[in-house]
N, C-alpha and C. Protein backbone atom coordinates (compact mmCIF):
# COMPACT_ATOMS: atom_id res chain seq x y z
N MET A 1 -71.26 71.36 114.94
CA MET A 1 -70.07 72.18 114.72
C MET A 1 -70.41 73.44 113.93
N THR A 2 -71.22 73.26 112.90
CA THR A 2 -71.63 74.40 112.07
C THR A 2 -72.43 75.41 112.89
N TYR A 3 -73.28 74.89 113.80
CA TYR A 3 -74.12 75.75 114.65
C TYR A 3 -73.25 76.59 115.56
N ILE A 4 -72.23 75.97 116.15
CA ILE A 4 -71.33 76.69 117.06
C ILE A 4 -70.59 77.80 116.33
N LEU A 5 -70.12 77.48 115.13
CA LEU A 5 -69.41 78.48 114.33
C LEU A 5 -70.32 79.64 113.98
N ALA A 6 -71.58 79.32 113.68
CA ALA A 6 -72.54 80.37 113.34
C ALA A 6 -72.78 81.29 114.53
N VAL A 7 -72.89 80.73 115.73
CA VAL A 7 -73.08 81.52 116.96
C VAL A 7 -71.89 82.42 117.22
N ILE A 8 -70.68 81.85 117.04
CA ILE A 8 -69.45 82.64 117.26
C ILE A 8 -69.37 83.78 116.26
N ALA A 9 -69.70 83.46 114.97
CA ALA A 9 -69.64 84.50 113.92
C ALA A 9 -70.64 85.61 114.22
N ALA A 10 -71.84 85.25 114.71
CA ALA A 10 -72.86 86.26 115.04
C ALA A 10 -72.40 87.15 116.19
N ALA A 11 -71.78 86.50 117.20
CA ALA A 11 -71.28 87.26 118.36
C ALA A 11 -70.19 88.24 117.95
N VAL A 12 -69.31 87.77 117.05
CA VAL A 12 -68.23 88.64 116.57
C VAL A 12 -68.80 89.82 115.80
N LEU A 13 -69.80 89.58 114.97
CA LEU A 13 -70.40 90.65 114.17
C LEU A 13 -71.11 91.67 115.07
N ILE A 14 -71.78 91.16 116.09
CA ILE A 14 -72.46 92.09 117.02
C ILE A 14 -71.45 92.97 117.72
N THR A 15 -70.33 92.36 118.10
CA THR A 15 -69.27 93.14 118.77
C THR A 15 -68.67 94.17 117.83
N LEU A 16 -68.42 93.77 116.59
CA LEU A 16 -67.82 94.69 115.62
C LEU A 16 -68.78 95.81 115.24
N TYR A 17 -70.07 95.54 115.34
CA TYR A 17 -71.07 96.53 114.94
C TYR A 17 -70.88 97.85 115.69
N LYS A 18 -70.45 97.75 116.96
CA LYS A 18 -70.28 98.95 117.80
C LYS A 18 -69.17 99.86 117.30
N PHE A 19 -68.22 99.26 116.54
CA PHE A 19 -67.05 100.03 116.10
C PHE A 19 -67.24 100.66 114.72
N PHE A 20 -68.32 100.33 114.02
CA PHE A 20 -68.57 100.91 112.70
C PHE A 20 -69.33 102.22 112.83
N PRO A 21 -68.89 103.22 112.07
CA PRO A 21 -69.53 104.56 112.18
C PRO A 21 -70.98 104.58 111.67
N SER A 22 -71.35 103.66 110.76
CA SER A 22 -72.72 103.68 110.23
C SER A 22 -73.17 102.27 109.88
N ARG A 23 -74.50 102.10 109.81
CA ARG A 23 -75.05 100.80 109.45
C ARG A 23 -74.71 100.43 108.01
N LYS A 24 -74.61 101.44 107.15
CA LYS A 24 -74.32 101.20 105.74
C LYS A 24 -72.95 100.55 105.57
N ILE A 25 -71.97 101.11 106.28
CA ILE A 25 -70.61 100.54 106.19
C ILE A 25 -70.58 99.14 106.77
N PHE A 26 -71.31 98.94 107.86
CA PHE A 26 -71.37 97.61 108.48
C PHE A 26 -72.01 96.60 107.52
N ALA A 27 -73.05 97.06 106.80
CA ALA A 27 -73.72 96.17 105.84
C ALA A 27 -72.77 95.77 104.72
N TYR A 28 -71.97 96.76 104.24
CA TYR A 28 -70.97 96.45 103.21
C TYR A 28 -69.96 95.43 103.73
N PHE A 29 -69.56 95.61 104.96
CA PHE A 29 -68.58 94.70 105.57
C PHE A 29 -69.15 93.28 105.64
N CYS A 30 -70.40 93.17 106.08
CA CYS A 30 -71.04 91.86 106.18
C CYS A 30 -71.18 91.21 104.79
N ALA A 31 -71.50 92.04 103.80
CA ALA A 31 -71.64 91.52 102.44
C ALA A 31 -70.31 90.99 101.93
N MET A 32 -69.24 91.70 102.23
CA MET A 32 -67.90 91.25 101.81
C MET A 32 -67.54 89.92 102.47
N LEU A 33 -67.86 89.83 103.77
CA LEU A 33 -67.58 88.57 104.47
C LEU A 33 -68.38 87.42 103.87
N LEU A 34 -69.65 87.71 103.52
CA LEU A 34 -70.50 86.68 102.94
C LEU A 34 -69.95 86.21 101.60
N ILE A 35 -69.47 87.16 100.78
CA ILE A 35 -68.91 86.81 99.48
C ILE A 35 -67.66 85.95 99.64
N VAL A 36 -66.77 86.37 100.57
CA VAL A 36 -65.55 85.61 100.82
C VAL A 36 -65.89 84.20 101.30
N PHE A 37 -66.88 84.10 102.18
CA PHE A 37 -67.29 82.79 102.71
C PHE A 37 -67.83 81.90 101.59
N CYS A 38 -68.67 82.47 100.72
CA CYS A 38 -69.27 81.70 99.62
C CYS A 38 -68.21 81.22 98.64
N VAL A 39 -67.28 82.12 98.30
CA VAL A 39 -66.21 81.74 97.36
C VAL A 39 -65.33 80.66 97.96
N SER A 40 -65.00 80.82 99.23
CA SER A 40 -64.15 79.83 99.90
C SER A 40 -64.84 78.47 99.96
N SER A 41 -66.14 78.48 100.26
CA SER A 41 -66.88 77.22 100.33
C SER A 41 -66.95 76.55 98.96
N PHE A 42 -67.13 77.38 97.90
CA PHE A 42 -67.21 76.84 96.54
C PHE A 42 -65.89 76.19 96.13
N ILE A 43 -64.78 76.88 96.43
CA ILE A 43 -63.45 76.35 96.07
C ILE A 43 -63.18 75.06 96.83
N GLN A 44 -63.53 75.03 98.12
CA GLN A 44 -63.31 73.84 98.92
C GLN A 44 -64.14 72.67 98.40
N SER A 45 -65.38 72.98 98.01
CA SER A 45 -66.27 71.94 97.47
C SER A 45 -65.73 71.38 96.17
N ARG A 46 -65.25 72.28 95.27
CA ARG A 46 -64.70 71.83 93.98
C ARG A 46 -63.45 70.99 94.19
N SER A 47 -62.60 71.40 95.15
CA SER A 47 -61.37 70.66 95.41
C SER A 47 -61.68 69.25 95.89
N SER A 48 -62.67 69.17 96.79
CA SER A 48 -63.06 67.87 97.30
C SER A 48 -63.64 67.00 96.19
N GLN A 49 -64.46 67.63 95.33
CA GLN A 49 -65.06 66.89 94.22
C GLN A 49 -64.00 66.39 93.24
N GLU A 50 -63.01 67.26 92.91
CA GLU A 50 -61.94 66.89 91.99
C GLU A 50 -61.11 65.76 92.57
N GLU A 51 -60.89 65.79 93.89
CA GLU A 51 -60.11 64.75 94.53
C GLU A 51 -60.84 63.41 94.44
N ASN A 52 -62.17 63.45 94.66
CA ASN A 52 -62.94 62.22 94.55
C ASN A 52 -62.94 61.67 93.13
N ILE A 53 -63.07 62.57 92.14
CA ILE A 53 -63.04 62.15 90.74
C ILE A 53 -61.69 61.54 90.40
N SER A 54 -60.63 62.18 90.90
CA SER A 54 -59.29 61.69 90.62
C SER A 54 -59.09 60.29 91.19
N ARG A 55 -59.60 60.07 92.38
CA ARG A 55 -59.46 58.74 92.98
C ARG A 55 -60.22 57.69 92.16
N ALA A 56 -61.41 58.07 91.72
CA ALA A 56 -62.20 57.15 90.90
C ALA A 56 -61.50 56.86 89.58
N GLN A 57 -60.90 57.91 89.00
CA GLN A 57 -60.18 57.73 87.74
C GLN A 57 -58.96 56.85 87.93
N ILE A 58 -58.27 57.03 89.05
CA ILE A 58 -57.08 56.21 89.33
C ILE A 58 -57.46 54.74 89.44
N GLU A 59 -58.54 54.45 90.15
CA GLU A 59 -58.99 53.06 90.28
C GLU A 59 -59.39 52.48 88.93
N LYS A 60 -60.04 53.30 88.12
CA LYS A 60 -60.44 52.84 86.78
C LYS A 60 -59.22 52.53 85.93
N ILE A 61 -58.23 53.42 85.98
CA ILE A 61 -57.00 53.21 85.21
C ILE A 61 -56.29 51.95 85.67
N ARG A 62 -56.24 51.75 86.97
CA ARG A 62 -55.56 50.57 87.50
C ARG A 62 -56.26 49.28 87.07
N ARG A 63 -57.58 49.29 87.06
CA ARG A 63 -58.32 48.10 86.62
C ARG A 63 -58.03 47.82 85.15
N GLN A 64 -58.05 48.88 84.34
CA GLN A 64 -57.78 48.71 82.91
C GLN A 64 -56.34 48.25 82.68
N GLU A 65 -55.43 48.74 83.50
CA GLU A 65 -54.02 48.35 83.38
C GLU A 65 -53.85 46.85 83.64
N GLU A 66 -54.53 46.34 84.66
CA GLU A 66 -54.47 44.91 84.97
C GLU A 66 -55.07 44.08 83.83
N ILE A 67 -56.19 44.55 83.31
CA ILE A 67 -56.86 43.83 82.22
C ILE A 67 -55.96 43.81 80.98
N PHE A 68 -55.34 44.95 80.68
CA PHE A 68 -54.47 45.02 79.50
C PHE A 68 -53.24 44.13 79.67
N ALA A 69 -52.68 44.10 80.88
CA ALA A 69 -51.50 43.25 81.13
C ALA A 69 -51.83 41.79 80.85
N SER A 70 -53.00 41.35 81.29
CA SER A 70 -53.42 39.97 81.05
C SER A 70 -53.66 39.74 79.56
N TRP A 71 -54.33 40.69 78.91
CA TRP A 71 -54.61 40.58 77.47
C TRP A 71 -53.31 40.54 76.68
N TYR A 72 -52.38 41.40 77.02
CA TYR A 72 -51.14 41.50 76.24
C TYR A 72 -50.27 40.25 76.43
N THR A 73 -50.29 39.66 77.62
CA THR A 73 -49.53 38.43 77.86
C THR A 73 -50.02 37.32 76.93
N ALA A 74 -51.35 37.17 76.85
CA ALA A 74 -51.92 36.15 75.95
C ALA A 74 -51.63 36.49 74.49
N TYR A 75 -51.73 37.77 74.16
CA TYR A 75 -51.46 38.22 72.79
C TYR A 75 -50.02 37.92 72.39
N GLN A 76 -49.09 38.19 73.29
CA GLN A 76 -47.68 37.98 72.98
C GLN A 76 -47.36 36.51 72.75
N LYS A 77 -48.08 35.63 73.45
CA LYS A 77 -47.89 34.20 73.22
C LYS A 77 -48.32 33.82 71.80
N ASN A 78 -49.40 34.44 71.33
CA ASN A 78 -49.82 34.22 69.94
C ASN A 78 -48.75 34.67 68.95
N ILE A 79 -48.19 35.84 69.22
CA ILE A 79 -47.15 36.39 68.33
C ILE A 79 -45.91 35.51 68.35
N ASP A 80 -45.56 35.00 69.52
CA ASP A 80 -44.39 34.12 69.63
C ASP A 80 -44.57 32.86 68.77
N ARG A 81 -45.79 32.32 68.79
CA ARG A 81 -46.05 31.12 67.97
C ARG A 81 -45.99 31.46 66.48
N LEU A 82 -46.48 32.63 66.11
CA LEU A 82 -46.39 33.06 64.71
C LEU A 82 -44.93 33.18 64.29
N ASP A 83 -44.12 33.74 65.16
CA ASP A 83 -42.69 33.92 64.85
C ASP A 83 -41.99 32.57 64.68
N ILE A 84 -42.31 31.63 65.54
CA ILE A 84 -41.70 30.30 65.45
C ILE A 84 -42.07 29.64 64.12
N ASN A 85 -43.34 29.71 63.77
CA ASN A 85 -43.79 29.11 62.51
C ASN A 85 -43.17 29.81 61.30
N TRP A 86 -43.04 31.12 61.39
CA TRP A 86 -42.46 31.89 60.27
C TRP A 86 -40.99 31.54 60.10
N GLN A 87 -40.29 31.36 61.21
CA GLN A 87 -38.88 30.95 61.13
C GLN A 87 -38.76 29.54 60.54
N LEU A 88 -39.72 28.68 60.89
CA LEU A 88 -39.72 27.33 60.33
C LEU A 88 -39.94 27.37 58.82
N TYR A 89 -40.80 28.27 58.39
CA TYR A 89 -41.05 28.41 56.94
C TYR A 89 -39.75 28.73 56.21
N PHE A 90 -39.02 29.71 56.72
CA PHE A 90 -37.77 30.11 56.05
C PHE A 90 -36.71 29.02 56.16
N SER A 91 -36.77 28.25 57.23
CA SER A 91 -35.84 27.13 57.36
C SER A 91 -36.10 26.08 56.27
N ILE A 92 -37.38 25.80 56.00
CA ILE A 92 -37.75 24.85 54.94
C ILE A 92 -37.32 25.38 53.58
N VAL A 93 -37.55 26.67 53.37
CA VAL A 93 -37.18 27.29 52.10
C VAL A 93 -35.67 27.23 51.88
N GLU A 94 -34.91 27.49 52.94
CA GLU A 94 -33.45 27.44 52.83
C GLU A 94 -32.99 26.01 52.53
N THR A 95 -33.66 25.04 53.14
CA THR A 95 -33.30 23.64 52.88
C THR A 95 -33.50 23.28 51.40
N LEU A 96 -34.58 23.78 50.85
CA LEU A 96 -34.86 23.51 49.42
C LEU A 96 -33.80 24.14 48.52
N LYS A 97 -33.27 25.28 48.93
CA LYS A 97 -32.28 25.97 48.09
C LYS A 97 -31.01 25.14 47.92
N THR A 98 -30.66 24.39 48.95
CA THR A 98 -29.40 23.63 48.91
C THR A 98 -29.62 22.13 48.64
N ALA A 99 -30.89 21.74 48.49
CA ALA A 99 -31.19 20.31 48.27
C ALA A 99 -30.78 19.88 46.87
N GLU A 100 -30.33 18.66 46.77
CA GLU A 100 -29.97 18.10 45.46
C GLU A 100 -31.18 17.45 44.80
N ILE A 101 -32.07 16.92 45.64
CA ILE A 101 -33.31 16.33 45.12
C ILE A 101 -34.47 16.81 46.01
N TYR A 102 -35.65 16.84 45.43
CA TYR A 102 -36.82 17.26 46.18
C TYR A 102 -37.43 16.05 46.89
N GLU A 103 -37.40 16.10 48.22
CA GLU A 103 -37.91 14.98 49.01
C GLU A 103 -39.35 15.24 49.45
N TYR A 104 -40.12 14.18 49.50
CA TYR A 104 -41.53 14.28 49.85
C TYR A 104 -41.71 14.77 51.30
N SER A 105 -40.74 14.49 52.15
CA SER A 105 -40.81 14.91 53.55
C SER A 105 -40.85 16.44 53.67
N THR A 106 -40.22 17.11 52.71
CA THR A 106 -40.25 18.57 52.71
C THR A 106 -41.66 19.07 52.46
N TYR A 107 -42.34 18.43 51.54
CA TYR A 107 -43.73 18.79 51.25
C TYR A 107 -44.60 18.52 52.47
N GLU A 108 -44.37 17.43 53.17
CA GLU A 108 -45.14 17.11 54.37
C GLU A 108 -44.93 18.17 55.45
N GLN A 109 -43.72 18.69 55.53
CA GLN A 109 -43.43 19.76 56.49
C GLN A 109 -44.26 21.00 56.17
N LEU A 110 -44.35 21.31 54.89
CA LEU A 110 -45.14 22.47 54.47
C LEU A 110 -46.63 22.27 54.76
N VAL A 111 -47.11 21.06 54.55
CA VAL A 111 -48.52 20.75 54.82
C VAL A 111 -48.81 20.92 56.31
N GLU A 112 -47.92 20.38 57.14
CA GLU A 112 -48.11 20.49 58.59
C GLU A 112 -48.00 21.94 59.05
N LEU A 113 -47.06 22.67 58.48
CA LEU A 113 -46.88 24.08 58.84
C LEU A 113 -48.12 24.89 58.46
N GLU A 114 -48.66 24.64 57.28
CA GLU A 114 -49.87 25.33 56.86
C GLU A 114 -51.02 25.04 57.82
N ARG A 115 -51.15 23.81 58.25
CA ARG A 115 -52.21 23.42 59.18
C ARG A 115 -52.05 24.18 60.51
N ASP A 116 -50.83 24.25 61.00
CA ASP A 116 -50.58 24.97 62.25
C ASP A 116 -50.87 26.46 62.11
N MET A 117 -50.50 27.01 60.97
CA MET A 117 -50.72 28.44 60.76
C MET A 117 -52.21 28.78 60.64
N LEU A 118 -52.98 27.88 60.09
CA LEU A 118 -54.42 28.10 60.01
C LEU A 118 -55.04 28.12 61.40
N LYS A 119 -54.51 27.31 62.30
CA LYS A 119 -54.97 27.32 63.69
C LYS A 119 -54.62 28.66 64.36
N GLU A 120 -53.40 29.12 64.09
CA GLU A 120 -52.98 30.40 64.67
C GLU A 120 -53.80 31.55 64.10
N GLN A 121 -54.12 31.46 62.84
CA GLN A 121 -54.94 32.49 62.21
C GLN A 121 -56.31 32.57 62.89
N THR A 122 -56.88 31.41 63.20
CA THR A 122 -58.17 31.38 63.90
C THR A 122 -58.06 32.03 65.27
N ARG A 123 -56.96 31.76 65.98
CA ARG A 123 -56.76 32.36 67.30
C ARG A 123 -56.67 33.89 67.20
N ILE A 124 -55.97 34.36 66.19
CA ILE A 124 -55.82 35.80 66.02
C ILE A 124 -57.17 36.45 65.73
N TYR A 125 -58.00 35.78 64.95
CA TYR A 125 -59.31 36.34 64.62
C TYR A 125 -60.30 36.26 65.79
N LEU A 126 -59.92 35.54 66.84
CA LEU A 126 -60.76 35.49 68.04
C LEU A 126 -60.38 36.58 69.04
N LEU A 127 -59.32 37.33 68.74
CA LEU A 127 -58.93 38.43 69.64
C LEU A 127 -60.03 39.49 69.67
N ASN A 128 -60.27 40.03 70.85
CA ASN A 128 -61.24 41.12 70.96
C ASN A 128 -60.77 42.15 71.97
N VAL A 129 -61.41 43.29 71.96
CA VAL A 129 -61.05 44.39 72.86
C VAL A 129 -61.83 44.25 74.16
N PRO A 130 -61.17 44.28 75.30
CA PRO A 130 -61.88 44.21 76.58
C PRO A 130 -62.93 45.32 76.69
N PRO A 131 -64.16 45.00 77.06
CA PRO A 131 -65.22 46.01 77.13
C PRO A 131 -64.98 47.08 78.19
N GLU A 132 -64.07 46.80 79.15
CA GLU A 132 -63.82 47.78 80.21
C GLU A 132 -63.01 48.98 79.72
N PHE A 133 -62.39 48.87 78.54
CA PHE A 133 -61.54 49.95 78.04
C PHE A 133 -62.37 51.17 77.63
N ASP A 134 -61.76 52.34 77.79
CA ASP A 134 -62.43 53.55 77.32
C ASP A 134 -62.26 53.68 75.80
N ALA A 135 -62.88 54.70 75.24
CA ALA A 135 -62.95 54.84 73.78
C ALA A 135 -61.57 54.88 73.12
N GLU A 136 -60.65 55.67 73.69
CA GLU A 136 -59.33 55.83 73.06
C GLU A 136 -58.54 54.53 73.09
N CYS A 137 -58.55 53.84 74.22
CA CYS A 137 -57.83 52.57 74.32
C CYS A 137 -58.46 51.51 73.42
N ARG A 138 -59.78 51.54 73.32
CA ARG A 138 -60.47 50.58 72.44
C ARG A 138 -60.03 50.80 70.99
N MET A 139 -59.93 52.06 70.60
CA MET A 139 -59.53 52.39 69.23
C MET A 139 -58.10 51.92 68.96
N LEU A 140 -57.21 52.16 69.91
CA LEU A 140 -55.80 51.76 69.74
C LEU A 140 -55.66 50.24 69.69
N LEU A 141 -56.37 49.55 70.58
CA LEU A 141 -56.26 48.10 70.61
C LEU A 141 -56.91 47.47 69.38
N THR A 142 -57.96 48.08 68.90
CA THR A 142 -58.60 47.60 67.66
C THR A 142 -57.62 47.69 66.50
N GLU A 143 -56.84 48.77 66.47
CA GLU A 143 -55.84 48.92 65.41
C GLU A 143 -54.77 47.85 65.51
N VAL A 144 -54.37 47.50 66.74
CA VAL A 144 -53.39 46.42 66.95
C VAL A 144 -53.92 45.10 66.40
N ILE A 145 -55.18 44.81 66.71
CA ILE A 145 -55.80 43.56 66.26
C ILE A 145 -55.90 43.52 64.74
N ILE A 146 -56.31 44.63 64.13
CA ILE A 146 -56.44 44.68 62.66
C ILE A 146 -55.08 44.45 61.99
N LYS A 147 -54.05 45.08 62.52
CA LYS A 147 -52.70 44.91 61.96
C LYS A 147 -52.24 43.46 62.12
N THR A 148 -52.53 42.87 63.26
CA THR A 148 -52.10 41.48 63.50
C THR A 148 -52.83 40.52 62.59
N GLN A 149 -54.11 40.77 62.36
CA GLN A 149 -54.88 39.91 61.45
C GLN A 149 -54.34 40.00 60.02
N ALA A 150 -54.01 41.21 59.59
CA ALA A 150 -53.44 41.38 58.25
C ALA A 150 -52.09 40.68 58.15
N TYR A 151 -51.34 40.74 59.24
CA TYR A 151 -50.02 40.10 59.28
C TYR A 151 -50.12 38.58 59.14
N VAL A 152 -51.00 37.98 59.94
CA VAL A 152 -51.14 36.52 59.89
C VAL A 152 -51.76 36.08 58.57
N ASP A 153 -52.64 36.90 58.01
CA ASP A 153 -53.23 36.57 56.70
C ASP A 153 -52.14 36.46 55.63
N ALA A 154 -51.20 37.41 55.66
CA ALA A 154 -50.11 37.39 54.68
C ALA A 154 -49.22 36.18 54.88
N GLN A 155 -48.95 35.83 56.13
CA GLN A 155 -48.13 34.66 56.41
C GLN A 155 -48.80 33.38 55.89
N VAL A 156 -50.09 33.24 56.21
CA VAL A 156 -50.83 32.05 55.78
C VAL A 156 -50.86 31.95 54.26
N LYS A 157 -51.09 33.08 53.60
CA LYS A 157 -51.15 33.07 52.14
C LYS A 157 -49.80 32.66 51.54
N THR A 158 -48.72 33.19 52.10
CA THR A 158 -47.38 32.84 51.63
C THR A 158 -47.12 31.35 51.76
N ILE A 159 -47.44 30.81 52.93
CA ILE A 159 -47.19 29.38 53.18
C ILE A 159 -48.09 28.51 52.32
N SER A 160 -49.35 28.90 52.17
CA SER A 160 -50.30 28.11 51.37
C SER A 160 -49.88 28.06 49.90
N LEU A 161 -49.49 29.22 49.36
CA LEU A 161 -49.05 29.26 47.97
C LEU A 161 -47.77 28.46 47.76
N THR A 162 -46.90 28.50 48.76
CA THR A 162 -45.66 27.71 48.68
C THR A 162 -45.96 26.21 48.72
N ARG A 163 -46.89 25.84 49.58
CA ARG A 163 -47.29 24.44 49.66
C ARG A 163 -47.92 23.96 48.35
N GLU A 164 -48.72 24.82 47.73
CA GLU A 164 -49.32 24.46 46.44
C GLU A 164 -48.24 24.29 45.37
N ALA A 165 -47.29 25.22 45.36
CA ALA A 165 -46.22 25.17 44.37
C ALA A 165 -45.34 23.93 44.58
N ALA A 166 -45.24 23.49 45.85
CA ALA A 166 -44.35 22.37 46.17
C ALA A 166 -45.03 21.00 46.07
N ASN A 167 -46.23 20.96 45.52
CA ASN A 167 -46.92 19.67 45.35
C ASN A 167 -46.06 18.73 44.50
N PRO A 168 -45.69 17.59 45.05
CA PRO A 168 -44.80 16.66 44.33
C PRO A 168 -45.33 16.21 42.97
N GLU A 169 -46.64 16.26 42.81
CA GLU A 169 -47.23 15.83 41.54
C GLU A 169 -46.92 16.81 40.40
N THR A 170 -46.67 18.06 40.75
CA THR A 170 -46.40 19.07 39.72
C THR A 170 -44.98 19.65 39.81
N ALA A 171 -44.39 19.58 40.99
CA ALA A 171 -43.05 20.16 41.18
C ALA A 171 -41.99 19.13 40.82
N THR A 172 -41.63 19.09 39.57
CA THR A 172 -40.65 18.10 39.10
C THR A 172 -39.26 18.69 38.91
N ASP A 173 -39.21 20.01 38.80
CA ASP A 173 -37.92 20.69 38.59
C ASP A 173 -37.60 21.50 39.84
N LEU A 174 -36.56 21.09 40.58
CA LEU A 174 -36.21 21.74 41.85
C LEU A 174 -35.79 23.20 41.66
N ALA A 175 -35.05 23.48 40.59
CA ALA A 175 -34.61 24.85 40.33
C ALA A 175 -35.81 25.74 40.05
N LEU A 176 -36.75 25.24 39.27
CA LEU A 176 -37.96 26.00 38.96
C LEU A 176 -38.80 26.21 40.21
N LEU A 177 -38.87 25.19 41.07
CA LEU A 177 -39.62 25.29 42.31
C LEU A 177 -39.03 26.37 43.22
N ASN A 178 -37.71 26.37 43.34
CA ASN A 178 -37.06 27.39 44.17
C ASN A 178 -37.33 28.79 43.64
N LYS A 179 -37.38 28.93 42.32
CA LYS A 179 -37.67 30.22 41.72
C LYS A 179 -39.09 30.67 42.06
N LYS A 180 -40.05 29.73 41.95
CA LYS A 180 -41.44 30.05 42.27
C LYS A 180 -41.59 30.44 43.74
N ILE A 181 -40.93 29.68 44.60
CA ILE A 181 -41.02 29.96 46.04
C ILE A 181 -40.42 31.33 46.36
N ARG A 182 -39.30 31.65 45.72
CA ARG A 182 -38.67 32.95 45.94
C ARG A 182 -39.62 34.07 45.51
N GLU A 183 -40.28 33.92 44.39
CA GLU A 183 -41.23 34.93 43.91
C GLU A 183 -42.43 35.06 44.85
N ILE A 184 -42.92 33.93 45.33
CA ILE A 184 -44.05 33.94 46.26
C ILE A 184 -43.66 34.65 47.56
N THR A 185 -42.49 34.32 48.06
CA THR A 185 -42.02 34.91 49.33
C THR A 185 -41.85 36.42 49.21
N ILE A 186 -41.27 36.86 48.11
CA ILE A 186 -41.06 38.30 47.90
C ILE A 186 -42.40 39.03 47.75
N ARG A 187 -43.31 38.41 47.01
CA ARG A 187 -44.59 39.06 46.68
C ARG A 187 -45.59 39.06 47.84
N GLU A 188 -45.63 37.97 48.61
CA GLU A 188 -46.71 37.79 49.59
C GLU A 188 -46.29 37.99 51.05
N SER A 189 -45.02 37.89 51.34
CA SER A 189 -44.60 37.99 52.74
C SER A 189 -44.97 39.35 53.35
N PRO A 190 -45.42 39.36 54.60
CA PRO A 190 -45.73 40.65 55.26
C PRO A 190 -44.45 41.43 55.52
N ALA A 191 -44.56 42.75 55.42
CA ALA A 191 -43.39 43.60 55.67
C ALA A 191 -42.95 43.50 57.13
N GLY A 192 -43.90 43.32 58.01
CA GLY A 192 -43.60 43.24 59.45
C GLY A 192 -44.84 43.59 60.24
N LEU A 193 -44.78 43.33 61.53
CA LEU A 193 -45.90 43.65 62.41
C LEU A 193 -45.49 44.85 63.26
N PHE A 194 -45.99 46.01 62.90
CA PHE A 194 -45.59 47.25 63.57
C PHE A 194 -46.73 47.76 64.46
N THR A 195 -46.70 47.34 65.71
CA THR A 195 -47.74 47.75 66.66
C THR A 195 -47.16 48.49 67.87
N ALA A 196 -45.87 48.76 67.86
CA ALA A 196 -45.22 49.38 69.02
C ALA A 196 -45.83 50.74 69.35
N LYS A 197 -46.21 51.50 68.34
CA LYS A 197 -46.77 52.84 68.56
C LYS A 197 -48.08 52.75 69.34
N GLU A 198 -48.96 51.84 68.92
CA GLU A 198 -50.25 51.70 69.58
C GLU A 198 -50.10 51.12 71.00
N ILE A 199 -49.24 50.12 71.14
CA ILE A 199 -49.02 49.51 72.45
C ILE A 199 -48.45 50.54 73.43
N SER A 200 -47.50 51.33 72.95
CA SER A 200 -46.89 52.36 73.79
C SER A 200 -47.93 53.41 74.20
N ALA A 201 -48.79 53.79 73.27
CA ALA A 201 -49.83 54.79 73.56
C ALA A 201 -50.82 54.25 74.60
N ILE A 202 -51.16 52.98 74.49
CA ILE A 202 -52.07 52.37 75.47
C ILE A 202 -51.42 52.36 76.86
N ARG A 203 -50.16 51.97 76.92
CA ARG A 203 -49.46 51.92 78.21
C ARG A 203 -49.35 53.30 78.83
N ASP A 204 -49.08 54.31 78.00
CA ASP A 204 -49.00 55.68 78.51
C ASP A 204 -50.35 56.12 79.09
N LYS A 205 -51.41 55.77 78.39
CA LYS A 205 -52.75 56.17 78.84
C LYS A 205 -53.14 55.43 80.11
N LEU A 206 -52.64 54.22 80.30
CA LEU A 206 -52.99 53.43 81.47
C LEU A 206 -51.96 53.56 82.59
N THR A 207 -51.16 54.60 82.54
CA THR A 207 -50.19 54.88 83.60
C THR A 207 -50.73 56.02 84.46
N VAL A 208 -50.82 55.80 85.76
CA VAL A 208 -51.32 56.82 86.68
C VAL A 208 -50.25 57.88 86.88
N PRO A 209 -50.57 59.17 86.65
CA PRO A 209 -49.57 60.23 86.84
C PRO A 209 -49.07 60.25 88.27
N GLU A 210 -47.80 60.59 88.47
CA GLU A 210 -47.20 60.60 89.81
C GLU A 210 -47.92 61.58 90.73
N GLU A 211 -48.32 62.76 90.18
CA GLU A 211 -48.98 63.75 91.03
C GLU A 211 -50.33 63.24 91.53
N ALA A 212 -50.98 62.41 90.71
CA ALA A 212 -52.26 61.84 91.12
C ALA A 212 -52.07 60.80 92.21
N GLU A 213 -50.93 60.07 92.15
CA GLU A 213 -50.65 59.05 93.14
C GLU A 213 -50.45 59.67 94.53
N LEU A 214 -49.97 60.94 94.54
CA LEU A 214 -49.66 61.60 95.80
C LEU A 214 -50.89 62.12 96.51
N LYS A 215 -52.04 62.17 95.83
CA LYS A 215 -53.25 62.73 96.44
C LYS A 215 -53.79 61.78 97.52
């Protein structure tokens, strides 16, 4: 195909040569055509290259999006278990506030809750960033993991200190125990787990632009 086009272009130039008043002007004309051809070929080549890169980027983003969806589903299950345990902690604390006597079963609940929370803490510390992520997503997800680890650490510390304070061998005054637990809860409880900013940024980065989808 290229050979045929070259033959046609040569034939056209030979024909046009007869209409030019001088060889110099014809040479300028040919040079202009050559420049236009080179620029056009360069632009076409770049467009094709950019389209190929865009397709590769789209596939990469889609793979990372699938990986993140799976990671986040498992992560959210961990958070749900933390929330359930944290609600149970406050339920035990509320029960103590209205109790007339301190029952040993309450202490057993705290012991079991602490054991469960230590298991959850281990799970949180096993979280890692998928190696397929690019640098920016890795940084954002690392921040999510660090915040979550700090969050579960505070929860575990609060529950452990409460369990120590509620030891039946030393906790003989229920009013004093409630006061200690209130102080521990205020001092050690985590303010909250604020990861929405990082999660939103990751999702935005792993969303294929509409204009790219149309290519």
